[in-house]
Amino acid sequence: LDAPIQRYVPSFPEKPWPVTVRQL
């Protein structure tokens, strides 16, 4: 849940802050 989304969707670019599964 608290992993950055890029771990599973590497095509989504890094942002200034991590975006997690839980947050989405």
PDBML (XML) file of the C-alpha atoms, coordinates in Angstrom:
<?xml version="1.0" encoding="UTF-8" ?>
<PDBx:datablock datablockName="MODEL"
   xmlns:PDBx="http://pdbml.pdb.org/schema/pdbx-v50.xsd"
   xmlns:xsi="http://www.w3.org/2001/XMLSchema-instance"
   xsi:schemaLocation="http://pdbml.pdb.org/schema/pdbx-v50.xsd pdbx-v50.xsd">
   <PDBx:atom_siteCategory>
      <PDBx:atom_site id="1">
         <PDBx:B_iso_or_equiv>0.00</PDBx:B_iso_or_equiv>
         <PDBx:Cartn_x>0.000</PDBx:Cartn_x>
         <PDBx:Cartn_y>0.000</PDBx:Cartn_y>
         <PDBx:Cartn_z>0.000</PDBx:Cartn_z>
         <PDBx:auth_asym_id>A</PDBx:auth_asym_id>
         <PDBx:auth_atom_id>CA</PDBx:auth_atom_id>
         <PDBx:auth_comp_id>LEU</PDBx:auth_comp_id>
         <PDBx:auth_seq_id>1</PDBx:auth_seq_id>
         <PDBx:group_PDB>ATOM</PDBx:group_PDB>
         <PDBx:label_alt_id xsi:nil="true" />
         <PDBx:label_asym_id>A</PDBx:label_asym_id>
         <PDBx:label_atom_id>CA</PDBx:label_atom_id>
         <PDBx:label_comp_id>LEU</PDBx:label_comp_id>
         <PDBx:label_entity_id>1</PDBx:label_entity_id>
         <PDBx:label_seq_id>1</PDBx:label_seq_id>
         <PDBx:occupancy>1.00</PDBx:occupancy>
         <PDBx:pdbx_PDB_model_num>1</PDBx:pdbx_PDB_model_num>
         <PDBx:type_symbol>C</PDBx:type_symbol>
      </PDBx:atom_site>
      <PDBx:atom_site id="2">
         <PDBx:B_iso_or_equiv>0.00</PDBx:B_iso_or_equiv>
         <PDBx:Cartn_x>2.720</PDBx:Cartn_x>
         <PDBx:Cartn_y>2.496</PDBx:Cartn_y>
         <PDBx:Cartn_z>0.840</PDBx:Cartn_z>
         <PDBx:auth_asym_id>A</PDBx:auth_asym_id>
         <PDBx:auth_atom_id>CA</PDBx:auth_atom_id>
         <PDBx:auth_comp_id>ASP</PDBx:auth_comp_id>
         <PDBx:auth_seq_id>2</PDBx:auth_seq_id>
         <PDBx:group_PDB>ATOM</PDBx:group_PDB>
         <PDBx:label_alt_id xsi:nil="true" />
         <PDBx:label_asym_id>A</PDBx:label_asym_id>
         <PDBx:label_atom_id>CA</PDBx:label_atom_id>
         <PDBx:label_comp_id>ASP</PDBx:label_comp_id>
         <PDBx:label_entity_id>1</PDBx:label_entity_id>
         <PDBx:label_seq_id>2</PDBx:label_seq_id>
         <PDBx:occupancy>1.00</PDBx:occupancy>
         <PDBx:pdbx_PDB_model_num>1</PDBx:pdbx_PDB_model_num>
         <PDBx:type_symbol>C</PDBx:type_symbol>
      </PDBx:atom_site>
      <PDBx:atom_site id="3">
         <PDBx:B_iso_or_equiv>0.00</PDBx:B_iso_or_equiv>
         <PDBx:Cartn_x>4.986</PDBx:Cartn_x>
         <PDBx:Cartn_y>1.697</PDBx:Cartn_y>
         <PDBx:Cartn_z>-2.098</PDBx:Cartn_z>
         <PDBx:auth_asym_id>A</PDBx:auth_asym_id>
         <PDBx:auth_atom_id>CA</PDBx:auth_atom_id>
         <PDBx:auth_comp_id>ALA</PDBx:auth_comp_id>
         <PDBx:auth_seq_id>3</PDBx:auth_seq_id>
         <PDBx:group_PDB>ATOM</PDBx:group_PDB>
         <PDBx:label_alt_id xsi:nil="true" />
         <PDBx:label_asym_id>A</PDBx:label_asym_id>
         <PDBx:label_atom_id>CA</PDBx:label_atom_id>
         <PDBx:label_comp_id>ALA</PDBx:label_comp_id>
         <PDBx:label_entity_id>1</PDBx:label_entity_id>
         <PDBx:label_seq_id>3</PDBx:label_seq_id>
         <PDBx:occupancy>1.00</PDBx:occupancy>
         <PDBx:pdbx_PDB_model_num>1</PDBx:pdbx_PDB_model_num>
         <PDBx:type_symbol>C</PDBx:type_symbol>
      </PDBx:atom_site>
      <PDBx:atom_site id="4">
         <PDBx:B_iso_or_equiv>0.00</PDBx:B_iso_or_equiv>
         <PDBx:Cartn_x>5.468</PDBx:Cartn_x>
         <PDBx:Cartn_y>4.385</PDBx:Cartn_y>
         <PDBx:Cartn_z>-4.749</PDBx:Cartn_z>
         <PDBx:auth_asym_id>A</PDBx:auth_asym_id>
         <PDBx:auth_atom_id>CA</PDBx:auth_atom_id>
         <PDBx:auth_comp_id>PRO</PDBx:auth_comp_id>
         <PDBx:auth_seq_id>4</PDBx:auth_seq_id>
         <PDBx:group_PDB>ATOM</PDBx:group_PDB>
         <PDBx:label_alt_id xsi:nil="true" />
         <PDBx:label_asym_id>A</PDBx:label_asym_id>
         <PDBx:label_atom_id>CA</PDBx:label_atom_id>
         <PDBx:label_comp_id>PRO</PDBx:label_comp_id>
         <PDBx:label_entity_id>1</PDBx:label_entity_id>
         <PDBx:label_seq_id>4</PDBx:label_seq_id>
         <PDBx:occupancy>1.00</PDBx:occupancy>
         <PDBx:pdbx_PDB_model_num>1</PDBx:pdbx_PDB_model_num>
         <PDBx:type_symbol>C</PDBx:type_symbol>
      </PDBx:atom_site>
      <PDBx:atom_site id="5">
         <PDBx:B_iso_or_equiv>0.00</PDBx:B_iso_or_equiv>
         <PDBx:Cartn_x>3.275</PDBx:Cartn_x>
         <PDBx:Cartn_y>3.744</PDBx:Cartn_y>
         <PDBx:Cartn_z>-7.759</PDBx:Cartn_z>
         <PDBx:auth_asym_id>A</PDBx:auth_asym_id>
         <PDBx:auth_atom_id>CA</PDBx:auth_atom_id>
         <PDBx:auth_comp_id>ILE</PDBx:auth_comp_id>
         <PDBx:auth_seq_id>5</PDBx:auth_seq_id>
         <PDBx:group_PDB>ATOM</PDBx:group_PDB>
         <PDBx:label_alt_id xsi:nil="true" />
         <PDBx:label_asym_id>A</PDBx:label_asym_id>
         <PDBx:label_atom_id>CA</PDBx:label_atom_id>
         <PDBx:label_comp_id>ILE</PDBx:label_comp_id>
         <PDBx:label_entity_id>1</PDBx:label_entity_id>
         <PDBx:label_seq_id>5</PDBx:label_seq_id>
         <PDBx:occupancy>1.00</PDBx:occupancy>
         <PDBx:pdbx_PDB_model_num>1</PDBx:pdbx_PDB_model_num>
         <PDBx:type_symbol>C</PDBx:type_symbol>
      </PDBx:atom_site>
      <PDBx:atom_site id="6">
         <PDBx:B_iso_or_equiv>0.00</PDBx:B_iso_or_equiv>
         <PDBx:Cartn_x>6.342</PDBx:Cartn_x>
         <PDBx:Cartn_y>3.603</PDBx:Cartn_y>
         <PDBx:Cartn_z>-10.036</PDBx:Cartn_z>
         <PDBx:auth_asym_id>A</PDBx:auth_asym_id>
         <PDBx:auth_atom_id>CA</PDBx:auth_atom_id>
         <PDBx:auth_comp_id>GLN</PDBx:auth_comp_id>
         <PDBx:auth_seq_id>6</PDBx:auth_seq_id>
         <PDBx:group_PDB>ATOM</PDBx:group_PDB>
         <PDBx:label_alt_id xsi:nil="true" />
         <PDBx:label_asym_id>A</PDBx:label_asym_id>
         <PDBx:label_atom_id>CA</PDBx:label_atom_id>
         <PDBx:label_comp_id>GLN</PDBx:label_comp_id>
         <PDBx:label_entity_id>1</PDBx:label_entity_id>
         <PDBx:label_seq_id>6</PDBx:label_seq_id>
         <PDBx:occupancy>1.00</PDBx:occupancy>
         <PDBx:pdbx_PDB_model_num>1</PDBx:pdbx_PDB_model_num>
         <PDBx:type_symbol>C</PDBx:type_symbol>
      </PDBx:atom_site>
      <PDBx:atom_site id="7">
         <PDBx:B_iso_or_equiv>0.00</PDBx:B_iso_or_equiv>
         <PDBx:Cartn_x>7.240</PDBx:Cartn_x>
         <PDBx:Cartn_y>0.217</PDBx:Cartn_y>
         <PDBx:Cartn_z>-8.511</PDBx:Cartn_z>
         <PDBx:auth_asym_id>A</PDBx:auth_asym_id>
         <PDBx:auth_atom_id>CA</PDBx:auth_atom_id>
         <PDBx:auth_comp_id>ARG</PDBx:auth_comp_id>
         <PDBx:auth_seq_id>7</PDBx:auth_seq_id>
         <PDBx:group_PDB>ATOM</PDBx:group_PDB>
         <PDBx:label_alt_id xsi:nil="true" />
         <PDBx:label_asym_id>A</PDBx:label_asym_id>
         <PDBx:label_atom_id>CA</PDBx:label_atom_id>
         <PDBx:label_comp_id>ARG</PDBx:label_comp_id>
         <PDBx:label_entity_id>1</PDBx:label_entity_id>
         <PDBx:label_seq_id>7</PDBx:label_seq_id>
         <PDBx:occupancy>1.00</PDBx:occupancy>
         <PDBx:pdbx_PDB_model_num>1</PDBx:pdbx_PDB_model_num>
         <PDBx:type_symbol>C</PDBx:type_symbol>
      </PDBx:atom_site>
      <PDBx:atom_site id="8">
         <PDBx:B_iso_or_equiv>0.00</PDBx:B_iso_or_equiv>
         <PDBx:Cartn_x>4.264</PDBx:Cartn_x>
         <PDBx:Cartn_y>-1.204</PDBx:Cartn_y>
         <PDBx:Cartn_z>-10.411</PDBx:Cartn_z>
         <PDBx:auth_asym_id>A</PDBx:auth_asym_id>
         <PDBx:auth_atom_id>CA</PDBx:auth_atom_id>
         <PDBx:auth_comp_id>TYR</PDBx:auth_comp_id>
         <PDBx:auth_seq_id>8</PDBx:auth_seq_id>
         <PDBx:group_PDB>ATOM</PDBx:group_PDB>
         <PDBx:label_alt_id xsi:nil="true" />
         <PDBx:label_asym_id>A</PDBx:label_asym_id>
         <PDBx:label_atom_id>CA</PDBx:label_atom_id>
         <PDBx:label_comp_id>TYR</PDBx:label_comp_id>
         <PDBx:label_entity_id>1</PDBx:label_entity_id>
         <PDBx:label_seq_id>8</PDBx:label_seq_id>
         <PDBx:occupancy>1.00</PDBx:occupancy>
         <PDBx:pdbx_PDB_model_num>1</PDBx:pdbx_PDB_model_num>
         <PDBx:type_symbol>C</PDBx:type_symbol>
      </PDBx:atom_site>
      <PDBx:atom_site id="9">
         <PDBx:B_iso_or_equiv>0.00</PDBx:B_iso_or_equiv>
         <PDBx:Cartn_x>3.880</PDBx:Cartn_x>
         <PDBx:Cartn_y>1.380</PDBx:Cartn_y>
         <PDBx:Cartn_z>-13.185</PDBx:Cartn_z>
         <PDBx:auth_asym_id>A</PDBx:auth_asym_id>
         <PDBx:auth_atom_id>CA</PDBx:auth_atom_id>
         <PDBx:auth_comp_id>VAL</PDBx:auth_comp_id>
         <PDBx:auth_seq_id>9</PDBx:auth_seq_id>
         <PDBx:group_PDB>ATOM</PDBx:group_PDB>
         <PDBx:label_alt_id xsi:nil="true" />
         <PDBx:label_asym_id>A</PDBx:label_asym_id>
         <PDBx:label_atom_id>CA</PDBx:label_atom_id>
         <PDBx:label_comp_id>VAL</PDBx:label_comp_id>
         <PDBx:label_entity_id>1</PDBx:label_entity_id>
         <PDBx:label_seq_id>9</PDBx:label_seq_id>
         <PDBx:occupancy>1.00</PDBx:occupancy>
         <PDBx:pdbx_PDB_model_num>1</PDBx:pdbx_PDB_model_num>
         <PDBx:type_symbol>C</PDBx:type_symbol>
      </PDBx:atom_site>
      <PDBx:atom_site id="10">
         <PDBx:B_iso_or_equiv>0.00</PDBx:B_iso_or_equiv>
         <PDBx:Cartn_x>7.420</PDBx:Cartn_x>
         <PDBx:Cartn_y>2.383</PDBx:Cartn_y>
         <PDBx:Cartn_z>-14.163</PDBx:Cartn_z>
         <PDBx:auth_asym_id>A</PDBx:auth_asym_id>
         <PDBx:auth_atom_id>CA</PDBx:auth_atom_id>
         <PDBx:auth_comp_id>PRO</PDBx:auth_comp_id>
         <PDBx:auth_seq_id>10</PDBx:auth_seq_id>
         <PDBx:group_PDB>ATOM</PDBx:group_PDB>
         <PDBx:label_alt_id xsi:nil="true" />
         <PDBx:label_asym_id>A</PDBx:label_asym_id>
         <PDBx:label_atom_id>CA</PDBx:label_atom_id>
         <PDBx:label_comp_id>PRO</PDBx:label_comp_id>
         <PDBx:label_entity_id>1</PDBx:label_entity_id>
         <PDBx:label_seq_id>10</PDBx:label_seq_id>
         <PDBx:occupancy>1.00</PDBx:occupancy>
         <PDBx:pdbx_PDB_model_num>1</PDBx:pdbx_PDB_model_num>
         <PDBx:type_symbol>C</PDBx:type_symbol>
      </PDBx:atom_site>
      <PDBx:atom_site id="11">
         <PDBx:B_iso_or_equiv>0.00</PDBx:B_iso_or_equiv>
         <PDBx:Cartn_x>6.114</PDBx:Cartn_x>
         <PDBx:Cartn_y>4.333</PDBx:Cartn_y>
         <PDBx:Cartn_z>-17.179</PDBx:Cartn_z>
         <PDBx:auth_asym_id>A</PDBx:auth_asym_id>
         <PDBx:auth_atom_id>CA</PDBx:auth_atom_id>
         <PDBx:auth_comp_id>SER</PDBx:auth_comp_id>
         <PDBx:auth_seq_id>11</PDBx:auth_seq_id>
         <PDBx:group_PDB>ATOM</PDBx:group_PDB>
         <PDBx:label_alt_id xsi:nil="true" />
         <PDBx:label_asym_id>A</PDBx:label_asym_id>
         <PDBx:label_atom_id>CA</PDBx:label_atom_id>
         <PDBx:label_comp_id>SER</PDBx:label_comp_id>
         <PDBx:label_entity_id>1</PDBx:label_entity_id>
         <PDBx:label_seq_id>11</PDBx:label_seq_id>
         <PDBx:occupancy>1.00</PDBx:occupancy>
         <PDBx:pdbx_PDB_model_num>1</PDBx:pdbx_PDB_model_num>
         <PDBx:type_symbol>C</PDBx:type_symbol>
      </PDBx:atom_site>
      <PDBx:atom_site id="12">
         <PDBx:B_iso_or_equiv>0.00</PDBx:B_iso_or_equiv>
         <PDBx:Cartn_x>4.626</PDBx:Cartn_x>
         <PDBx:Cartn_y>6.921</PDBx:Cartn_y>
         <PDBx:Cartn_z>-14.788</PDBx:Cartn_z>
         <PDBx:auth_asym_id>A</PDBx:auth_asym_id>
         <PDBx:auth_atom_id>CA</PDBx:auth_atom_id>
         <PDBx:auth_comp_id>PHE</PDBx:auth_comp_id>
         <PDBx:auth_seq_id>12</PDBx:auth_seq_id>
         <PDBx:group_PDB>ATOM</PDBx:group_PDB>
         <PDBx:label_alt_id xsi:nil="true" />
         <PDBx:label_asym_id>A</PDBx:label_asym_id>
         <PDBx:label_atom_id>CA</PDBx:label_atom_id>
         <PDBx:label_comp_id>PHE</PDBx:label_comp_id>
         <PDBx:label_entity_id>1</PDBx:label_entity_id>
         <PDBx:label_seq_id>12</PDBx:label_seq_id>
         <PDBx:occupancy>1.00</PDBx:occupancy>
         <PDBx:pdbx_PDB_model_num>1</PDBx:pdbx_PDB_model_num>
         <PDBx:type_symbol>C</PDBx:type_symbol>
      </PDBx:atom_site>
      <PDBx:atom_site id="13">
         <PDBx:B_iso_or_equiv>0.00</PDBx:B_iso_or_equiv>
         <PDBx:Cartn_x>7.361</PDBx:Cartn_x>
         <PDBx:Cartn_y>9.541</PDBx:Cartn_y>
         <PDBx:Cartn_z>-14.282</PDBx:Cartn_z>
         <PDBx:auth_asym_id>A</PDBx:auth_asym_id>
         <PDBx:auth_atom_id>CA</PDBx:auth_atom_id>
         <PDBx:auth_comp_id>PRO</PDBx:auth_comp_id>
         <PDBx:auth_seq_id>13</PDBx:auth_seq_id>
         <PDBx:group_PDB>ATOM</PDBx:group_PDB>
         <PDBx:label_alt_id xsi:nil="true" />
         <PDBx:label_asym_id>A</PDBx:label_asym_id>
         <PDBx:label_atom_id>CA</PDBx:label_atom_id>
         <PDBx:label_comp_id>PRO</PDBx:label_comp_id>
         <PDBx:label_entity_id>1</PDBx:label_entity_id>
         <PDBx:label_seq_id>13</PDBx:label_seq_id>
         <PDBx:occupancy>1.00</PDBx:occupancy>
         <PDBx:pdbx_PDB_model_num>1</PDBx:pdbx_PDB_model_num>
         <PDBx:type_symbol>C</PDBx:type_symbol>
      </PDBx:atom_site>
      <PDBx:atom_site id="14">
         <PDBx:B_iso_or_equiv>0.00</PDBx:B_iso_or_equiv>
         <PDBx:Cartn_x>8.824</PDBx:Cartn_x>
         <PDBx:Cartn_y>10.404</PDBx:Cartn_y>
         <PDBx:Cartn_z>-10.901</PDBx:Cartn_z>
         <PDBx:auth_asym_id>A</PDBx:auth_asym_id>
         <PDBx:auth_atom_id>CA</PDBx:auth_atom_id>
         <PDBx:auth_comp_id>GLU</PDBx:auth_comp_id>
         <PDBx:auth_seq_id>14</PDBx:auth_seq_id>
         <PDBx:group_PDB>ATOM</PDBx:group_PDB>
         <PDBx:label_alt_id xsi:nil="true" />
         <PDBx:label_asym_id>A</PDBx:label_asym_id>
         <PDBx:label_atom_id>CA</PDBx:label_atom_id>
         <PDBx:label_comp_id>GLU</PDBx:label_comp_id>
         <PDBx:label_entity_id>1</PDBx:label_entity_id>
         <PDBx:label_seq_id>14</PDBx:label_seq_id>
         <PDBx:occupancy>1.00</PDBx:occupancy>
         <PDBx:pdbx_PDB_model_num>1</PDBx:pdbx_PDB_model_num>
         <PDBx:type_symbol>C</PDBx:type_symbol>
      </PDBx:atom_site>
      <PDBx:atom_site id="15">
         <PDBx:B_iso_or_equiv>0.00</PDBx:B_iso_or_equiv>
         <PDBx:Cartn_x>7.254</PDBx:Cartn_x>
         <PDBx:Cartn_y>13.504</PDBx:Cartn_y>
         <PDBx:Cartn_z>-9.336</PDBx:Cartn_z>
         <PDBx:auth_asym_id>A</PDBx:auth_asym_id>
         <PDBx:auth_atom_id>CA</PDBx:auth_atom_id>
         <PDBx:auth_comp_id>LYS</PDBx:auth_comp_id>
         <PDBx:auth_seq_id>15</PDBx:auth_seq_id>
         <PDBx:group_PDB>ATOM</PDBx:group_PDB>
         <PDBx:label_alt_id xsi:nil="true" />
         <PDBx:label_asym_id>A</PDBx:label_asym_id>
         <PDBx:label_atom_id>CA</PDBx:label_atom_id>
         <PDBx:label_comp_id>LYS</PDBx:label_comp_id>
         <PDBx:label_entity_id>1</PDBx:label_entity_id>
         <PDBx:label_seq_id>15</PDBx:label_seq_id>
         <PDBx:occupancy>1.00</PDBx:occupancy>
         <PDBx:pdbx_PDB_model_num>1</PDBx:pdbx_PDB_model_num>
         <PDBx:type_symbol>C</PDBx:type_symbol>
      </PDBx:atom_site>
      <PDBx:atom_site id="16">
         <PDBx:B_iso_or_equiv>0.00</PDBx:B_iso_or_equiv>
         <PDBx:Cartn_x>8.648</PDBx:Cartn_x>
         <PDBx:Cartn_y>15.923</PDBx:Cartn_y>
         <PDBx:Cartn_z>-6.726</PDBx:Cartn_z>
         <PDBx:auth_asym_id>A</PDBx:auth_asym_id>
         <PDBx:auth_atom_id>CA</PDBx:auth_atom_id>
         <PDBx:auth_comp_id>PRO</PDBx:auth_comp_id>
         <PDBx:auth_seq_id>16</PDBx:auth_seq_id>
         <PDBx:group_PDB>ATOM</PDBx:group_PDB>
         <PDBx:label_alt_id xsi:nil="true" />
         <PDBx:label_asym_id>A</PDBx:label_asym_id>
         <PDBx:label_atom_id>CA</PDBx:label_atom_id>
         <PDBx:label_comp_id>PRO</PDBx:label_comp_id>
         <PDBx:label_entity_id>1</PDBx:label_entity_id>
         <PDBx:label_seq_id>16</PDBx:label_seq_id>
         <PDBx:occupancy>1.00</PDBx:occupancy>
         <PDBx:pdbx_PDB_model_num>1</PDBx:pdbx_PDB_model_num>
         <PDBx:type_symbol>C</PDBx:type_symbol>
      </PDBx:atom_site>
      <PDBx:atom_site id="17">
         <PDBx:B_iso_or_equiv>0.00</PDBx:B_iso_or_equiv>
         <PDBx:Cartn_x>7.041</PDBx:Cartn_x>
         <PDBx:Cartn_y>13.717</PDBx:Cartn_y>
         <PDBx:Cartn_z>-4.040</PDBx:Cartn_z>
         <PDBx:auth_asym_id>A</PDBx:auth_asym_id>
         <PDBx:auth_atom_id>CA</PDBx:auth_atom_id>
         <PDBx:auth_comp_id>TRP</PDBx:auth_comp_id>
         <PDBx:auth_seq_id>17</PDBx:auth_seq_id>
         <PDBx:group_PDB>ATOM</PDBx:group_PDB>
         <PDBx:label_alt_id xsi:nil="true" />
         <PDBx:label_asym_id>A</PDBx:label_asym_id>
         <PDBx:label_atom_id>CA</PDBx:label_atom_id>
         <PDBx:label_comp_id>TRP</PDBx:label_comp_id>
         <PDBx:label_entity_id>1</PDBx:label_entity_id>
         <PDBx:label_seq_id>17</PDBx:label_seq_id>
         <PDBx:occupancy>1.00</PDBx:occupancy>
         <PDBx:pdbx_PDB_model_num>1</PDBx:pdbx_PDB_model_num>
         <PDBx:type_symbol>C</PDBx:type_symbol>
      </PDBx:atom_site>
      <PDBx:atom_site id="18">
         <PDBx:B_iso_or_equiv>0.00</PDBx:B_iso_or_equiv>
         <PDBx:Cartn_x>6.302</PDBx:Cartn_x>
         <PDBx:Cartn_y>9.991</PDBx:Cartn_y>
         <PDBx:Cartn_z>-3.889</PDBx:Cartn_z>
         <PDBx:auth_asym_id>A</PDBx:auth_asym_id>
         <PDBx:auth_atom_id>CA</PDBx:auth_atom_id>
         <PDBx:auth_comp_id>PRO</PDBx:auth_comp_id>
         <PDBx:auth_seq_id>18</PDBx:auth_seq_id>
         <PDBx:group_PDB>ATOM</PDBx:group_PDB>
         <PDBx:label_alt_id xsi:nil="true" />
         <PDBx:label_asym_id>A</PDBx:label_asym_id>
         <PDBx:label_atom_id>CA</PDBx:label_atom_id>
         <PDBx:label_comp_id>PRO</PDBx:label_comp_id>
         <PDBx:label_entity_id>1</PDBx:label_entity_id>
         <PDBx:label_seq_id>18</PDBx:label_seq_id>
         <PDBx:occupancy>1.00</PDBx:occupancy>
         <PDBx:pdbx_PDB_model_num>1</PDBx:pdbx_PDB_model_num>
         <PDBx:type_symbol>C</PDBx:type_symbol>
      </PDBx:atom_site>
      <PDBx:atom_site id="19">
         <PDBx:B_iso_or_equiv>0.00</PDBx:B_iso_or_equiv>
         <PDBx:Cartn_x>2.778</PDBx:Cartn_x>
         <PDBx:Cartn_y>8.950</PDBx:Cartn_y>
         <PDBx:Cartn_z>-4.925</PDBx:Cartn_z>
         <PDBx:auth_asym_id>A</PDBx:auth_asym_id>
         <PDBx:auth_atom_id>CA</PDBx:auth_atom_id>
         <PDBx:auth_comp_id>VAL</PDBx:auth_comp_id>
         <PDBx:auth_seq_id>19</PDBx:auth_seq_id>
         <PDBx:group_PDB>ATOM</PDBx:group_PDB>
         <PDBx:label_alt_id xsi:nil="true" />
         <PDBx:label_asym_id>A</PDBx:label_asym_id>
         <PDBx:label_atom_id>CA</PDBx:label_atom_id>
         <PDBx:label_comp_id>VAL</PDBx:label_comp_id>
         <PDBx:label_entity_id>1</PDBx:label_entity_id>
         <PDBx:label_seq_id>19</PDBx:label_seq_id>
         <PDBx:occupancy>1.00</PDBx:occupancy>
         <PDBx:pdbx_PDB_model_num>1</PDBx:pdbx_PDB_model_num>
         <PDBx:type_symbol>C</PDBx:type_symbol>
      </PDBx:atom_site>
      <PDBx:atom_site id="20">
         <PDBx:B_iso_or_equiv>0.00</PDBx:B_iso_or_equiv>
         <PDBx:Cartn_x>1.681</PDBx:Cartn_x>
         <PDBx:Cartn_y>5.773</PDBx:Cartn_y>
         <PDBx:Cartn_z>-3.159</PDBx:Cartn_z>
         <PDBx:auth_asym_id>A</PDBx:auth_asym_id>
         <PDBx:auth_atom_id>CA</PDBx:auth_atom_id>
         <PDBx:auth_comp_id>THR</PDBx:auth_comp_id>
         <PDBx:auth_seq_id>20</PDBx:auth_seq_id>
         <PDBx:group_PDB>ATOM</PDBx:group_PDB>
         <PDBx:label_alt_id xsi:nil="true" />
         <PDBx:label_asym_id>A</PDBx:label_asym_id>
         <PDBx:label_atom_id>CA</PDBx:label_atom_id>
         <PDBx:label_comp_id>THR</PDBx:label_comp_id>
         <PDBx:label_entity_id>1</PDBx:label_entity_id>
         <PDBx:label_seq_id>20</PDBx:label_seq_id>
         <PDBx:occupancy>1.00</PDBx:occupancy>
         <PDBx:pdbx_PDB_model_num>1</PDBx:pdbx_PDB_model_num>
         <PDBx:type_symbol>C</PDBx:type_symbol>
      </PDBx:atom_site>
      <PDBx:atom_site id="21">
         <PDBx:B_iso_or_equiv>0.00</PDBx:B_iso_or_equiv>
         <PDBx:Cartn_x>-0.920</PDBx:Cartn_x>
         <PDBx:Cartn_y>3.121</PDBx:Cartn_y>
         <PDBx:Cartn_z>-3.865</PDBx:Cartn_z>
         <PDBx:auth_asym_id>A</PDBx:auth_asym_id>
         <PDBx:auth_atom_id>CA</PDBx:auth_atom_id>
         <PDBx:auth_comp_id>VAL</PDBx:auth_comp_id>
         <PDBx:auth_seq_id>21</PDBx:auth_seq_id>
         <PDBx:group_PDB>ATOM</PDBx:group_PDB>
         <PDBx:label_alt_id xsi:nil="true" />
         <PDBx:label_asym_id>A</PDBx:label_asym_id>
         <PDBx:label_atom_id>CA</PDBx:label_atom_id>
         <PDBx:label_comp_id>VAL</PDBx:label_comp_id>
         <PDBx:label_entity_id>1</PDBx:label_entity_id>
         <PDBx:label_seq_id>21</PDBx:label_seq_id>
         <PDBx:occupancy>1.00</PDBx:occupancy>
         <PDBx:pdbx_PDB_model_num>1</PDBx:pdbx_PDB_model_num>
         <PDBx:type_symbol>C</PDBx:type_symbol>
      </PDBx:atom_site>
      <PDBx:atom_site id="22">
         <PDBx:B_iso_or_equiv>0.00</PDBx:B_iso_or_equiv>
         <PDBx:Cartn_x>-2.716</PDBx:Cartn_x>
         <PDBx:Cartn_y>4.022</PDBx:Cartn_y>
         <PDBx:Cartn_z>-0.628</PDBx:Cartn_z>
         <PDBx:auth_asym_id>A</PDBx:auth_asym_id>
         <PDBx:auth_atom_id>CA</PDBx:auth_atom_id>
         <PDBx:auth_comp_id>ARG</PDBx:auth_comp_id>
         <PDBx:auth_seq_id>22</PDBx:auth_seq_id>
         <PDBx:group_PDB>ATOM</PDBx:group_PDB>
         <PDBx:label_alt_id xsi:nil="true" />
         <PDBx:label_asym_id>A</PDBx:label_asym_id>
         <PDBx:label_atom_id>CA</PDBx:label_atom_id>
         <PDBx:label_comp_id>ARG</PDBx:label_comp_id>
         <PDBx:label_entity_id>1</PDBx:label_entity_id>
         <PDBx:label_seq_id>22</PDBx:label_seq_id>
         <PDBx:occupancy>1.00</PDBx:occupancy>
         <PDBx:pdbx_PDB_model_num>1</PDBx:pdbx_PDB_model_num>
         <PDBx:type_symbol>C</PDBx:type_symbol>
      </PDBx:atom_site>
      <PDBx:atom_site id="23">
         <PDBx:B_iso_or_equiv>0.00</PDBx:B_iso_or_equiv>
         <PDBx:Cartn_x>-2.976</PDBx:Cartn_x>
         <PDBx:Cartn_y>7.667</PDBx:Cartn_y>
         <PDBx:Cartn_z>-1.630</PDBx:Cartn_z>
         <PDBx:auth_asym_id>A</PDBx:auth_asym_id>
         <PDBx:auth_atom_id>CA</PDBx:auth_atom_id>
         <PDBx:auth_comp_id>GLN</PDBx:auth_comp_id>
         <PDBx:auth_seq_id>23</PDBx:auth_seq_id>
         <PDBx:group_PDB>ATOM</PDBx:group_PDB>
         <PDBx:label_alt_id xsi:nil="true" />
         <PDBx:label_asym_id>A</PDBx:label_asym_id>
         <PDBx:label_atom_id>CA</PDBx:label_atom_id>
         <PDBx:label_comp_id>GLN</PDBx:label_comp_id>
         <PDBx:label_entity_id>1</PDBx:label_entity_id>
         <PDBx:label_seq_id>23</PDBx:label_seq_id>
         <PDBx:occupancy>1.00</PDBx:occupancy>
         <PDBx:pdbx_PDB_model_num>1</PDBx:pdbx_PDB_model_num>
         <PDBx:type_symbol>C</PDBx:type_symbol>
      </PDBx:atom_site>
      <PDBx:atom_site id="24">
         <PDBx:B_iso_or_equiv>0.00</PDBx:B_iso_or_equiv>
         <PDBx:Cartn_x>-4.327</PDBx:Cartn_x>
         <PDBx:Cartn_y>6.839</PDBx:Cartn_y>
         <PDBx:Cartn_z>-5.084</PDBx:Cartn_z>
         <PDBx:auth_asym_id>A</PDBx:auth_asym_id>
         <PDBx:auth_atom_id>CA</PDBx:auth_atom_id>
         <PDBx:auth_comp_id>LEU</PDBx:auth_comp_id>
         <PDBx:auth_seq_id>24</PDBx:auth_seq_id>
         <PDBx:group_PDB>ATOM</PDBx:group_PDB>
         <PDBx:label_alt_id xsi:nil="true" />
         <PDBx:label_asym_id>A</PDBx:label_asym_id>
         <PDBx:label_atom_id>CA</PDBx:label_atom_id>
         <PDBx:label_comp_id>LEU</PDBx:label_comp_id>
         <PDBx:label_entity_id>1</PDBx:label_entity_id>
         <PDBx:label_seq_id>24</PDBx:label_seq_id>
         <PDBx:occupancy>1.00</PDBx:occupancy>
         <PDBx:pdbx_PDB_model_num>1</PDBx:pdbx_PDB_model_num>
         <PDBx:type_symbol>C</PDBx:type_symbol>
      </PDBx:atom_site>
   </PDBx:atom_siteCategory>
</PDBx:datablock>
